[in-house]
Every structure is written in C-alpha cells, then in structure tokens.
Amino acid sequence: MANFAWYLLAALCEIGGCFAFWVWQREGKSAGWVLPGLAALAVFALALTRVEAASAGRAFAAYGGIYILSSLLWMWGVEGVRPDRWDLSGVLVCLLGAGLILLGPRS
C-alpha cells in the first residue's frame, strides 16, 4: 500500500509540475508558475525513490500505469474533460501491466 501512496504523490507532483509549465507556455500565464512547477517536479523525483522495487527501471515502468490514471483524473477534475470509454479501457490495460511489472513473481 505504501508503494501506491508514493506513486500517487509522484503522479500528482509530476502532473502538477508539468501543468504549471503548460499554463505558462500555452495559456500565457505569468512566469510565476515556473517555480512551483519546478518544486513539484523535484518532489515527484524524490517520491519515486521511495517506492520499494528491486530496480529503478522497474519502479519507473510500473509508475506508468498510475501516471496514466492520474492524468485522466486530472483531465476530468482540473480541465473539465470527462474520460471516455477508450480512456478508461486504456488505463485498465496500463494498470494491469503495471501490476504485472511490480508484483509479478521473480526467480
């Protein structure tokens, strides 16, 4: 369960940090968005180091499914765009893959 919490924190920080740059560059908002964006991206990187995994690559690969789910939730909650059935189907496939990567039996 701790891994999932770290992954959620990482996703929130990565999406929030990238969104800060998005609104600065694409929506013409103030450059004041950059510093909070950088801070969020730093917390994202630190959160991923807290995940229990045998290798960084495996932790990062499994994170992909959580990131995709979190991105769709951000799209819905922050941007007001509701995910469609293809979004939901795709995230289910990604979460299953992430689970296999992180929890699969290893010899």
PDB file of N, CA and C in Angstrom:
ATOM      1  N   MET A   1       0.816  -1.201   0.000  1.00  0.00           N
ATOM      2  CA  MET A   1       0.000   0.000   0.000  1.00  0.00           C
ATOM      3  C   MET A   1       0.859   1.265   0.000  1.00  0.00           C
ATOM      4  N   ALA A   2       2.019   1.187   0.662  1.00  0.00           N
ATOM      5  CA  ALA A   2       2.901   2.359   0.701  1.00  0.00           C
ATOM      6  C   ALA A   2       3.372   2.723  -0.700  1.00  0.00           C
ATOM      7  N   ASN A   3       3.666   1.712  -1.522  1.00  0.00           N
ATOM      8  CA  ASN A   3       4.083   2.000  -2.896  1.00  0.00           C
ATOM      9  C   ASN A   3       3.023   2.798  -3.627  1.00  0.00           C
ATOM     10  N   PHE A   4       1.774   2.402  -3.474  1.00  0.00           N
ATOM     11  CA  PHE A   4       0.687   3.086  -4.168  1.00  0.00           C
ATOM     12  C   PHE A   4       0.612   4.552  -3.731  1.00  0.00           C
ATOM     13  N   ALA A   5       0.784   4.813  -2.439  1.00  0.00           N
ATOM     14  CA  ALA A   5       0.752   6.197  -1.940  1.00  0.00           C
ATOM     15  C   ALA A   5       1.903   7.017  -2.529  1.00  0.00           C
ATOM     16  N   TRP A   6       3.100   6.420  -2.586  1.00  0.00           N
ATOM     17  CA  TRP A   6       4.235   7.132  -3.179  1.00  0.00           C
ATOM     18  C   TRP A   6       3.996   7.406  -4.655  1.00  0.00           C
ATOM     19  N   TYR A   7       3.430   6.399  -5.349  1.00  0.00           N
ATOM     20  CA  TYR A   7       3.119   6.586  -6.768  1.00  0.00           C
ATOM     21  C   TYR A   7       2.086   7.694  -6.963  1.00  0.00           C
ATOM     22  N   LEU A   8       1.077   7.742  -6.115  1.00  0.00           N
ATOM     23  CA  LEU A   8       0.062   8.801  -6.248  1.00  0.00           C
ATOM     24  C   LEU A   8       0.666  10.182  -5.997  1.00  0.00           C
ATOM     25  N   LEU A   9       1.518  10.282  -4.986  1.00  0.00           N
ATOM     26  CA  LEU A   9       2.190  11.561  -4.730  1.00  0.00           C
ATOM     27  C   LEU A   9       3.058  11.950  -5.920  1.00  0.00           C
ATOM     28  N   ALA A  10       3.803  10.978  -6.447  1.00  0.00           N
ATOM     29  CA  ALA A  10       4.650  11.252  -7.610  1.00  0.00           C
ATOM     30  C   ALA A  10       3.814  11.739  -8.786  1.00  0.00           C
ATOM     31  N   ALA A  11       2.704  11.075  -9.031  1.00  0.00           N
ATOM     32  CA  ALA A  11       1.851  11.450 -10.164  1.00  0.00           C
ATOM     33  C   ALA A  11       1.270  12.847  -9.980  1.00  0.00           C
ATOM     34  N   LEU A  12       0.764  13.135  -8.795  1.00  0.00           N
ATOM     35  CA  LEU A  12       0.210  14.463  -8.543  1.00  0.00           C
ATOM     36  C   LEU A  12       1.260  15.544  -8.759  1.00  0.00           C
ATOM     37  N   CYS A  13       2.456  15.306  -8.267  1.00  0.00           N
ATOM     38  CA  CYS A  13       3.531  16.297  -8.411  1.00  0.00           C
ATOM     39  C   CYS A  13       4.015  16.418  -9.851  1.00  0.00           C
ATOM     40  N   GLU A  14       4.135  15.291 -10.544  1.00  0.00           N
ATOM     41  CA  GLU A  14       4.590  15.372 -11.938  1.00  0.00           C
ATOM     42  C   GLU A  14       3.551  16.081 -12.806  1.00  0.00           C
ATOM     43  N   ILE A  15       2.310  15.698 -12.657  1.00  0.00           N
ATOM     44  CA  ILE A  15       1.264  16.321 -13.468  1.00  0.00           C
ATOM     45  C   ILE A  15       1.114  17.793 -13.106  1.00  0.00           C
ATOM     46  N   GLY A  16       1.115  18.094 -11.808  1.00  0.00           N
ATOM     47  CA  GLY A  16       1.016  19.492 -11.385  1.00  0.00           C
ATOM     48  C   GLY A  16       2.190  20.325 -11.867  1.00  0.00           C
ATOM     49  N   GLY A  17       3.393  19.769 -11.776  1.00  0.00           N
ATOM     50  CA  GLY A  17       4.580  20.491 -12.235  1.00  0.00           C
ATOM     51  C   GLY A  17       4.559  20.736 -13.731  1.00  0.00           C
ATOM     52  N   CYS A  18       4.190  19.718 -14.475  1.00  0.00           N
ATOM     53  CA  CYS A  18       4.106  19.883 -15.933  1.00  0.00           C
ATOM     54  C   CYS A  18       2.971  20.823 -16.317  1.00  0.00           C
ATOM     55  N   PHE A  19       1.873  20.758 -15.578  1.00  0.00           N
ATOM     56  CA  PHE A  19       0.741  21.643 -15.858  1.00  0.00           C
ATOM     57  C   PHE A  19       1.136  23.105 -15.640  1.00  0.00           C
ATOM     58  N   ALA A  20       1.975  23.353 -14.633  1.00  0.00           N
ATOM     59  CA  ALA A  20       2.436  24.719 -14.388  1.00  0.00           C
ATOM     60  C   ALA A  20       3.171  25.268 -15.614  1.00  0.00           C
ATOM     61  N   PHE A  21       4.012  24.438 -16.210  1.00  0.00           N
ATOM     62  CA  PHE A  21       4.707  24.871 -17.429  1.00  0.00           C
ATOM     63  C   PHE A  21       3.723  25.004 -18.600  1.00  0.00           C
ATOM     64  N   TRP A  22       2.742  24.123 -18.651  1.00  0.00           N
ATOM     65  CA  TRP A  22       1.714  24.174 -19.710  1.00  0.00           C
ATOM     66  C   TRP A  22       0.992  25.522 -19.681  1.00  0.00           C
ATOM     67  N   VAL A  23       0.509  25.925 -18.492  1.00  0.00           N
ATOM     68  CA  VAL A  23      -0.252  27.178 -18.433  1.00  0.00           C
ATOM     69  C   VAL A  23       0.641  28.384 -18.681  1.00  0.00           C
ATOM     70  N   TRP A  24       1.902  28.292 -18.289  1.00  0.00           N
ATOM     71  CA  TRP A  24       2.827  29.392 -18.561  1.00  0.00           C
ATOM     72  C   TRP A  24       3.075  29.520 -20.053  1.00  0.00           C
ATOM     73  N   GLN A  25       3.402  28.427 -20.716  1.00  0.00           N
ATOM     74  CA  GLN A  25       3.768  28.470 -22.137  1.00  0.00           C
ATOM     75  C   GLN A  25       2.571  28.478 -23.079  1.00  0.00           C
ATOM     76  N   ARG A  26       1.546  27.686 -22.786  1.00  0.00           N
ATOM     77  CA  ARG A  26       0.449  27.500 -23.733  1.00  0.00           C
ATOM     78  C   ARG A  26      -0.738  28.406 -23.460  1.00  0.00           C
ATOM     79  N   GLU A  27      -0.876  28.858 -22.217  1.00  0.00           N
ATOM     80  CA  GLU A  27      -2.027  29.688 -21.883  1.00  0.00           C
ATOM     81  C   GLU A  27      -1.640  31.113 -21.532  1.00  0.00           C
ATOM     82  N   GLY A  28      -0.352  31.430 -21.687  1.00  0.00           N
ATOM     83  CA  GLY A  28       0.101  32.800 -21.498  1.00  0.00           C
ATOM     84  C   GLY A  28       0.064  33.304 -20.066  1.00  0.00           C
ATOM     85  N   LYS A  29       0.087  32.402 -19.102  1.00  0.00           N
ATOM     86  CA  LYS A  29       0.096  32.839 -17.702  1.00  0.00           C
ATOM     87  C   LYS A  29       1.489  33.340 -17.321  1.00  0.00           C
ATOM     88  N   SER A  30       1.572  33.918 -16.161  1.00  0.00           N
ATOM     89  CA  SER A  30       2.811  34.503 -15.655  1.00  0.00           C
ATOM     90  C   SER A  30       3.914  33.460 -15.493  1.00  0.00           C
ATOM     91  N   ALA A  31       5.167  33.911 -15.621  1.00  0.00           N
ATOM     92  CA  ALA A  31       6.319  33.045 -15.379  1.00  0.00           C
ATOM     93  C   ALA A  31       6.399  32.639 -13.909  1.00  0.00           C
ATOM     94  N   GLY A  32       5.577  33.241 -13.069  1.00  0.00           N
ATOM     95  CA  GLY A  32       5.493  32.857 -11.663  1.00  0.00           C
ATOM     96  C   GLY A  32       5.049  31.419 -11.474  1.00  0.00           C
ATOM     97  N   TRP A  33       4.506  30.808 -12.501  1.00  0.00           N
ATOM     98  CA  TRP A  33       4.117  29.396 -12.448  1.00  0.00           C
ATOM     99  C   TRP A  33       5.328  28.469 -12.476  1.00  0.00           C
ATOM    100  N   VAL A  34       6.489  28.971 -12.912  1.00  0.00           N
ATOM    101  CA  VAL A  34       7.654  28.113 -13.112  1.00  0.00           C
ATOM    102  C   VAL A  34       8.218  27.579 -11.792  1.00  0.00           C
ATOM    103  N   LEU A  35       8.386  28.412 -10.794  1.00  0.00           N
ATOM    104  CA  LEU A  35       8.987  27.957  -9.536  1.00  0.00           C
ATOM    105  C   LEU A  35       8.157  26.891  -8.834  1.00  0.00           C
ATOM    106  N   PRO A  36       6.839  27.065  -8.683  1.00  0.00           N
ATOM    107  CA  PRO A  36       6.063  25.966  -8.097  1.00  0.00           C
ATOM    108  C   PRO A  36       6.112  24.706  -8.964  1.00  0.00           C
ATOM    109  N   GLY A  37       6.170  24.898 -10.276  1.00  0.00           N
ATOM    110  CA  GLY A  37       6.286  23.751 -11.170  1.00  0.00           C
ATOM    111  C   GLY A  37       7.581  22.993 -10.948  1.00  0.00           C
ATOM    112  N   LEU A  38       8.673  23.709 -10.817  1.00  0.00           N
ATOM    113  CA  LEU A  38       9.963  23.066 -10.553  1.00  0.00           C
ATOM    114  C   LEU A  38       9.972  22.359  -9.205  1.00  0.00           C
ATOM    115  N   ALA A  39       9.386  22.991  -8.191  1.00  0.00           N
ATOM    116  CA  ALA A  39       9.317  22.362  -6.863  1.00  0.00           C
ATOM    117  C   ALA A  39       8.508  21.068  -6.921  1.00  0.00           C
ATOM    118  N   ALA A  40       7.391  21.116  -7.615  1.00  0.00           N
ATOM    119  CA  ALA A  40       6.560  19.916  -7.738  1.00  0.00           C
ATOM    120  C   ALA A  40       7.313  18.798  -8.461  1.00  0.00           C
ATOM    121  N   LEU A  41       8.057  19.155  -9.490  1.00  0.00           N
ATOM    122  CA  LEU A  41       8.813  18.139 -10.228  1.00  0.00           C
ATOM    123  C   LEU A  41       9.936  17.543  -9.376  1.00  0.00           C
ATOM    124  N   ALA A  42      10.515  18.337  -8.490  1.00  0.00           N
ATOM    125  CA  ALA A  42      11.537  17.812  -7.576  1.00  0.00           C
ATOM    126  C   ALA A  42      10.913  16.818  -6.588  1.00  0.00           C
ATOM    127  N   VAL A  43       9.733  17.148  -6.060  1.00  0.00           N
ATOM    128  CA  VAL A  43       9.047  16.225  -5.144  1.00  0.00           C
ATOM    129  C   VAL A  43       8.664  14.947  -5.887  1.00  0.00           C
ATOM    130  N   PHE A  44       8.249  15.080  -7.138  1.00  0.00           N
ATOM    131  CA  PHE A  44       7.942  13.905  -7.969  1.00  0.00           C
ATOM    132  C   PHE A  44       9.135  12.959  -8.013  1.00  0.00           C
ATOM    133  N   ALA A  45      10.309  13.486  -8.319  1.00  0.00           N
ATOM    134  CA  ALA A  45      11.502  12.648  -8.428  1.00  0.00           C
ATOM    135  C   ALA A  45      11.837  11.999  -7.083  1.00  0.00           C
ATOM    136  N   LEU A  46      11.715  12.741  -6.012  1.00  0.00           N
ATOM    137  CA  LEU A  46      12.007  12.191  -4.687  1.00  0.00           C
ATOM    138  C   LEU A  46      11.001  11.106  -4.307  1.00  0.00           C
ATOM    139  N   ALA A  47       9.733  11.308  -4.634  1.00  0.00           N
ATOM    140  CA  ALA A  47       8.709  10.314  -4.298  1.00  0.00           C
ATOM    141  C   ALA A  47       8.987   8.978  -4.984  1.00  0.00           C
ATOM    142  N   LEU A  48       9.447   9.026  -6.226  1.00  0.00           N
ATOM    143  CA  LEU A  48       9.730   7.768  -6.922  1.00  0.00           C
ATOM    144  C   LEU A  48      10.881   6.994  -6.273  1.00  0.00           C
ATOM    145  N   THR A  49      11.775   7.688  -5.584  1.00  0.00           N
ATOM    146  CA  THR A  49      12.869   6.979  -4.923  1.00  0.00           C
ATOM    147  C   THR A  49      12.390   6.215  -3.696  1.00  0.00           C
ATOM    148  N   ARG A  50      11.191   6.491  -3.228  1.00  0.00           N
ATOM    149  CA  ARG A  50      10.657   5.840  -2.026  1.00  0.00           C
ATOM    150  C   ARG A  50       9.935   4.530  -2.330  1.00  0.00           C
ATOM    151  N   VAL A  51       9.692   4.240  -3.595  1.00  0.00           N
ATOM    152  CA  VAL A  51       8.981   3.022  -3.982  1.00  0.00           C
ATOM    153  C   VAL A  51       9.879   1.810  -3.752  1.00  0.00           C
ATOM    154  N   GLU A  52       9.303   0.786  -3.149  1.00  0.00           N
ATOM    155  CA  GLU A  52      10.037  -0.460  -2.930  1.00  0.00           C
ATOM    156  C   GLU A  52      10.048  -1.261  -4.227  1.00  0.00           C
ATOM    157  N   ALA A  53      11.201  -1.366  -4.851  1.00  0.00           N
ATOM    158  CA  ALA A  53      11.373  -2.141  -6.081  1.00  0.00           C
ATOM    159  C   ALA A  53      12.839  -2.533  -6.178  1.00  0.00           C
ATOM    160  N   ALA A  54      13.066  -3.641  -6.869  1.00  0.00           N
ATOM    161  CA  ALA A  54      14.437  -4.151  -6.990  1.00  0.00           C
ATOM    162  C   ALA A  54      15.318  -3.269  -7.866  1.00  0.00           C
ATOM    163  N   SER A  55      14.705  -2.518  -8.781  1.00  0.00           N
ATOM    164  CA  SER A  55      15.494  -1.657  -9.665  1.00  0.00           C
ATOM    165  C   SER A  55      14.701  -0.400  -9.994  1.00  0.00           C
ATOM    166  N   ALA A  56      15.415   0.651 -10.306  1.00  0.00           N
ATOM    167  CA  ALA A  56      14.770   1.915 -10.660  1.00  0.00           C
ATOM    168  C   ALA A  56      13.897   1.748 -11.903  1.00  0.00           C
ATOM    169  N   GLY A  57      14.421   1.039 -12.891  1.00  0.00           N
ATOM    170  CA  GLY A  57      13.665   0.861 -14.134  1.00  0.00           C
ATOM    171  C   GLY A  57      12.318   0.198 -13.912  1.00  0.00           C
ATOM    172  N   ARG A  58      12.279  -0.809 -13.047  1.00  0.00           N
ATOM    173  CA  ARG A  58      11.022  -1.485 -12.747  1.00  0.00           C
ATOM    174  C   ARG A  58      10.068  -0.554 -12.008  1.00  0.00           C
ATOM    175  N   ALA A  59      10.584   0.204 -11.063  1.00  0.00           N
ATOM    176  CA  ALA A  59       9.737   1.163 -10.343  1.00  0.00           C
ATOM    177  C   ALA A  59       9.167   2.205 -11.301  1.00  0.00           C
ATOM    178  N   PHE A  60       9.991   2.694 -12.219  1.00  0.00           N
ATOM    179  CA  PHE A  60       9.547   3.709 -13.172  1.00  0.00           C
ATOM    180  C   PHE A  60       8.535   3.132 -14.159  1.00  0.00           C
ATOM    181  N   ALA A  61       8.772   1.907 -14.614  1.00  0.00           N
ATOM    182  CA  ALA A  61       7.858   1.273 -15.573  1.00  0.00           C
ATOM    183  C   ALA A  61       6.478   1.061 -14.943  1.00  0.00           C
ATOM    184  N   ALA A  62       6.456   0.555 -13.718  1.00  0.00           N
ATOM    185  CA  ALA A  62       5.184   0.326 -13.043  1.00  0.00           C
ATOM    186  C   ALA A  62       4.468   1.643 -12.768  1.00  0.00           C
ATOM    187  N   TYR A  63       5.213   2.693 -12.517  1.00  0.00           N
ATOM    188  CA  TYR A  63       4.635   4.015 -12.278  1.00  0.00           C
ATOM    189  C   TYR A  63       3.810   4.489 -13.472  1.00  0.00           C
ATOM    190  N   GLY A  64       4.165   4.046 -14.659  1.00  0.00           N
ATOM    191  CA  GLY A  64       3.468   4.491 -15.860  1.00  0.00           C
ATOM    192  C   GLY A  64       1.963   4.305 -15.785  1.00  0.00           C
ATOM    193  N   GLY A  65       1.502   3.180 -15.255  1.00  0.00           N
ATOM    194  CA  GLY A  65       0.064   2.942 -15.141  1.00  0.00           C
ATOM    195  C   GLY A  65      -0.609   3.928 -14.197  1.00  0.00           C
ATOM    196  N   ILE A  66       0.036   4.195 -13.067  1.00  0.00           N
ATOM    197  CA  ILE A  66      -0.512   5.155 -12.104  1.00  0.00           C
ATOM    198  C   ILE A  66      -0.526   6.554 -12.715  1.00  0.00           C
ATOM    199  N   TYR A  67       0.529   6.890 -13.444  1.00  0.00           N
ATOM    200  CA  TYR A  67       0.601   8.200 -14.089  1.00  0.00           C
ATOM    201  C   TYR A  67      -0.554   8.379 -15.083  1.00  0.00           C
ATOM    202  N   ILE A  68      -0.827   7.354 -15.864  1.00  0.00           N
ATOM    203  CA  ILE A  68      -1.894   7.460 -16.860  1.00  0.00           C
ATOM    204  C   ILE A  68      -3.249   7.642 -16.175  1.00  0.00           C
ATOM    205  N   LEU A  69      -3.516   6.856 -15.134  1.00  0.00           N
ATOM    206  CA  LEU A  69      -4.763   7.016 -14.384  1.00  0.00           C
ATOM    207  C   LEU A  69      -4.856   8.424 -13.805  1.00  0.00           C
ATOM    208  N   SER A  70      -3.791   8.881 -13.190  1.00  0.00           N
ATOM    209  CA  SER A  70      -3.784  10.210 -12.572  1.00  0.00           C
ATOM    210  C   SER A  70      -3.958  11.318 -13.611  1.00  0.00           C
ATOM    211  N   SER A  71      -3.384  11.137 -14.784  1.00  0.00           N
ATOM    212  CA  SER A  71      -3.537  12.131 -15.850  1.00  0.00           C
ATOM    213  C   SER A  71      -4.990  12.258 -16.287  1.00  0.00           C
ATOM    214  N   LEU A  72      -5.666  11.122 -16.397  1.00  0.00           N
ATOM    215  CA  LEU A  72      -7.081  11.164 -16.789  1.00  0.00           C
ATOM    216  C   LEU A  72      -7.937  11.789 -15.694  1.00  0.00           C
ATOM    217  N   LEU A  73      -7.608  11.496 -14.435  1.00  0.00           N
ATOM    218  CA  LEU A  73      -8.341  12.127 -13.336  1.00  0.00           C
ATOM    219  C   LEU A  73      -8.088  13.635 -13.306  1.00  0.00           C
ATOM    220  N   TRP A  74      -6.856  14.043 -13.596  1.00  0.00           N
ATOM    221  CA  TRP A  74      -6.529  15.479 -13.688  1.00  0.00           C
ATOM    222  C   TRP A  74      -7.331  16.126 -14.814  1.00  0.00           C
ATOM    223  N   MET A  75      -7.353  15.464 -15.955  1.00  0.00           N
ATOM    224  CA  MET A  75      -8.096  15.977 -17.113  1.00  0.00           C
ATOM    225  C   MET A  75      -9.559  16.210 -16.746  1.00  0.00           C
ATOM    226  N   TRP A  76     -10.123  15.264 -16.003  1.00  0.00           N
ATOM    227  CA  TRP A  76     -11.523  15.354 -15.619  1.00  0.00           C
ATOM    228  C   TRP A  76     -11.730  16.414 -14.533  1.00  0.00           C
ATOM    229  N   GLY A  77     -10.927  16.341 -13.459  1.00  0.00           N
ATOM    230  CA  GLY A  77     -11.134  17.216 -12.312  1.00  0.00           C
ATOM    231  C   GLY A  77     -10.681  18.647 -12.501  1.00  0.00           C
ATOM    232  N   VAL A  78      -9.556  18.857 -13.180  1.00  0.00           N
ATOM    233  CA  VAL A  78      -8.985  20.197 -13.322  1.00  0.00           C
ATOM    234  C   VAL A  78      -9.389  20.844 -14.635  1.00  0.00           C
ATOM    235  N   GLU A  79      -9.350  20.060 -15.721  1.00  0.00           N
ATOM    236  CA  GLU A  79      -9.627  20.627 -17.036  1.00  0.00           C
ATOM    237  C   GLU A  79     -11.082  20.473 -17.466  1.00  0.00           C
ATOM    238  N   GLY A  80     -11.847  19.697 -16.713  1.00  0.00           N
ATOM    239  CA  GLY A  80     -13.267  19.556 -17.011  1.00  0.00           C
ATOM    240  C   GLY A  80     -13.592  18.700 -18.230  1.00  0.00           C
ATOM    241  N   VAL A  81     -12.663  17.845 -18.647  1.00  0.00           N
ATOM    242  CA  VAL A  81     -12.887  16.956 -19.788  1.00  0.00           C
ATOM    243  C   VAL A  81     -13.072  15.545 -19.246  1.00  0.00           C
ATOM    244  N   ARG A  82     -14.264  15.002 -19.447  1.00  0.00           N
ATOM    245  CA  ARG A  82     -14.569  13.679 -18.908  1.00  0.00           C
ATOM    246  C   ARG A  82     -13.926  12.579 -19.760  1.00  0.00           C
ATOM    247  N   PRO A  83     -13.251  11.620 -19.100  1.00  0.00           N
ATOM    248  CA  PRO A  83     -12.674  10.499 -19.850  1.00  0.00           C
ATOM    249  C   PRO A  83     -13.771   9.680 -20.541  1.00  0.00           C
ATOM    250  N   ASP A  84     -13.474   9.190 -21.736  1.00  0.00           N
ATOM    251  CA  ASP A  84     -14.453   8.366 -22.443  1.00  0.00           C
ATOM    252  C   ASP A  84     -14.124   6.884 -22.243  1.00  0.00           C
ATOM    253  N   ARG A  85     -14.884   6.017 -22.863  1.00  0.00           N
ATOM    254  CA  ARG A  85     -14.685   4.582 -22.662  1.00  0.00           C
ATOM    255  C   ARG A  85     -13.320   4.111 -23.150  1.00  0.00           C
ATOM    256  N   TRP A  86     -12.767   4.769 -24.139  1.00  0.00           N
ATOM    257  CA  TRP A  86     -11.443   4.388 -24.637  1.00  0.00           C
ATOM    258  C   TRP A  86     -10.359   4.788 -23.649  1.00  0.00           C
ATOM    259  N   ASP A  87     -10.538   5.946 -23.029  1.00  0.00           N
ATOM    260  CA  ASP A  87      -9.610   6.350 -21.975  1.00  0.00           C
ATOM    261  C   ASP A  87      -9.640   5.335 -20.837  1.00  0.00           C
ATOM    262  N   LEU A  88     -10.838   4.957 -20.409  1.00  0.00           N
ATOM    263  CA  LEU A  88     -10.985   4.031 -19.288  1.00  0.00           C
ATOM    264  C   LEU A  88     -10.468   2.638 -19.633  1.00  0.00           C
ATOM    265  N   SER A  89     -10.727   2.185 -20.843  1.00  0.00           N
ATOM    266  CA  SER A  89     -10.213   0.882 -21.271  1.00  0.00           C
ATOM    267  C   SER A  89      -8.686   0.895 -21.309  1.00  0.00           C
ATOM    268  N   GLY A  90      -8.127   1.965 -21.845  1.00  0.00           N
ATOM    269  CA  GLY A  90      -6.671   2.077 -21.935  1.00  0.00           C
ATOM    270  C   GLY A  90      -6.008   2.103 -20.577  1.00  0.00           C
ATOM    271  N   VAL A  91      -6.595   2.837 -19.627  1.00  0.00           N
ATOM    272  CA  VAL A  91      -5.983   2.910 -18.302  1.00  0.00           C
ATOM    273  C   VAL A  91      -6.079   1.568 -17.590  1.00  0.00           C
ATOM    274  N   LEU A  92      -7.136   0.809 -17.825  1.00  0.00           N
ATOM    275  CA  LEU A  92      -7.245  -0.515 -17.226  1.00  0.00           C
ATOM    276  C   LEU A  92      -6.119  -1.425 -17.721  1.00  0.00           C
ATOM    277  N   VAL A  93      -5.870  -1.411 -19.021  1.00  0.00           N
ATOM    278  CA  VAL A  93      -4.775  -2.207 -19.585  1.00  0.00           C
ATOM    279  C   VAL A  93      -3.439  -1.779 -18.965  1.00  0.00           C
ATOM    280  N   CYS A  94      -3.233  -0.477 -18.841  1.00  0.00           N
ATOM    281  CA  CYS A  94      -1.972   0.028 -18.282  1.00  0.00           C
ATOM    282  C   CYS A  94      -1.802  -0.368 -16.818  1.00  0.00           C
ATOM    283  N   LEU A  95      -2.884  -0.299 -16.038  1.00  0.00           N
ATOM    284  CA  LEU A  95      -2.791  -0.678 -14.628  1.00  0.00           C
ATOM    285  C   LEU A  95      -2.513  -2.172 -14.469  1.00  0.00           C
ATOM    286  N   LEU A  96      -3.119  -2.979 -15.311  1.00  0.00           N
ATOM    287  CA  LEU A  96      -2.819  -4.415 -15.277  1.00  0.00           C
ATOM    288  C   LEU A  96      -1.344  -4.662 -15.600  1.00  0.00           C
ATOM    289  N   GLY A  97      -0.840  -3.964 -16.600  1.00  0.00           N
ATOM    290  CA  GLY A  97       0.576  -4.088 -16.942  1.00  0.00           C
ATOM    291  C   GLY A  97       1.478  -3.619 -15.825  1.00  0.00           C
ATOM    292  N   ALA A  98       1.134  -2.516 -15.195  1.00  0.00           N
ATOM    293  CA  ALA A  98       1.933  -2.005 -14.081  1.00  0.00           C
ATOM    294  C   ALA A  98       1.957  -3.007 -12.935  1.00  0.00           C
ATOM    295  N   GLY A  99       0.805  -3.617 -12.656  1.00  0.00           N
ATOM    296  CA  GLY A  99       0.739  -4.627 -11.613  1.00  0.00           C
ATOM    297  C   GLY A  99       1.620  -5.828 -11.908  1.00  0.00           C
ATOM    298  N   LEU A 100       1.604  -6.259 -13.162  1.00  0.00           N
ATOM    299  CA  LEU A 100       2.459  -7.387 -13.544  1.00  0.00           C
ATOM    300  C   LEU A 100       3.925  -7.043 -13.371  1.00  0.00           C
ATOM    301  N   ILE A 101       4.298  -5.860 -13.767  1.00  0.00           N
ATOM    302  CA  ILE A 101       5.701  -5.436 -13.655  1.00  0.00           C
ATOM    303  C   ILE A 101       6.151  -5.380 -12.206  1.00  0.00           C
ATOM    304  N   LEU A 102       5.347  -4.759 -11.356  1.00  0.00           N
ATOM    305  CA  LEU A 102       5.768  -4.517  -9.978  1.00  0.00           C
ATOM    306  C   LEU A 102       5.567  -5.738  -9.093  1.00  0.00           C
ATOM    307  N   LEU A 103       4.484  -6.500  -9.304  1.00  0.00           N
ATOM    308  CA  LEU A 103       4.135  -7.563  -8.369  1.00  0.00           C
ATOM    309  C   LEU A 103       4.379  -8.978  -8.894  1.00  0.00           C
ATOM    310  N   GLY A 104       4.781  -9.093 -10.146  1.00  0.00           N
ATOM    311  CA  GLY A 104       4.996 -10.422 -10.713  1.00  0.00           C
ATOM    312  C   GLY A 104       6.064 -11.191  -9.984  1.00  0.00           C
ATOM    313  N   PRO A 105       5.888 -12.519  -9.897  1.00  0.00           N
ATOM    314  CA  PRO A 105       6.901 -13.333  -9.193  1.00  0.00           C
ATOM    315  C   PRO A 105       8.237 -13.314  -9.942  1.00  0.00           C
ATOM    316  N   ARG A 106       9.287 -13.209  -9.192  1.00  0.00           N
ATOM    317  CA  ARG A 106      10.622 -13.184  -9.761  1.00  0.00           C
ATOM    318  C   ARG A 106      11.403 -14.373  -9.239  1.00  0.00           C
ATOM    319  N   SER A 107      12.289 -14.904 -10.043  1.00  0.00           N
ATOM    320  CA  SER A 107      13.120 -16.030  -9.568  1.00  0.00           C
ATOM    321  C   SER A 107      14.425 -15.545  -8.989  1.00  0.00           C
TER     322      SER A 107
END
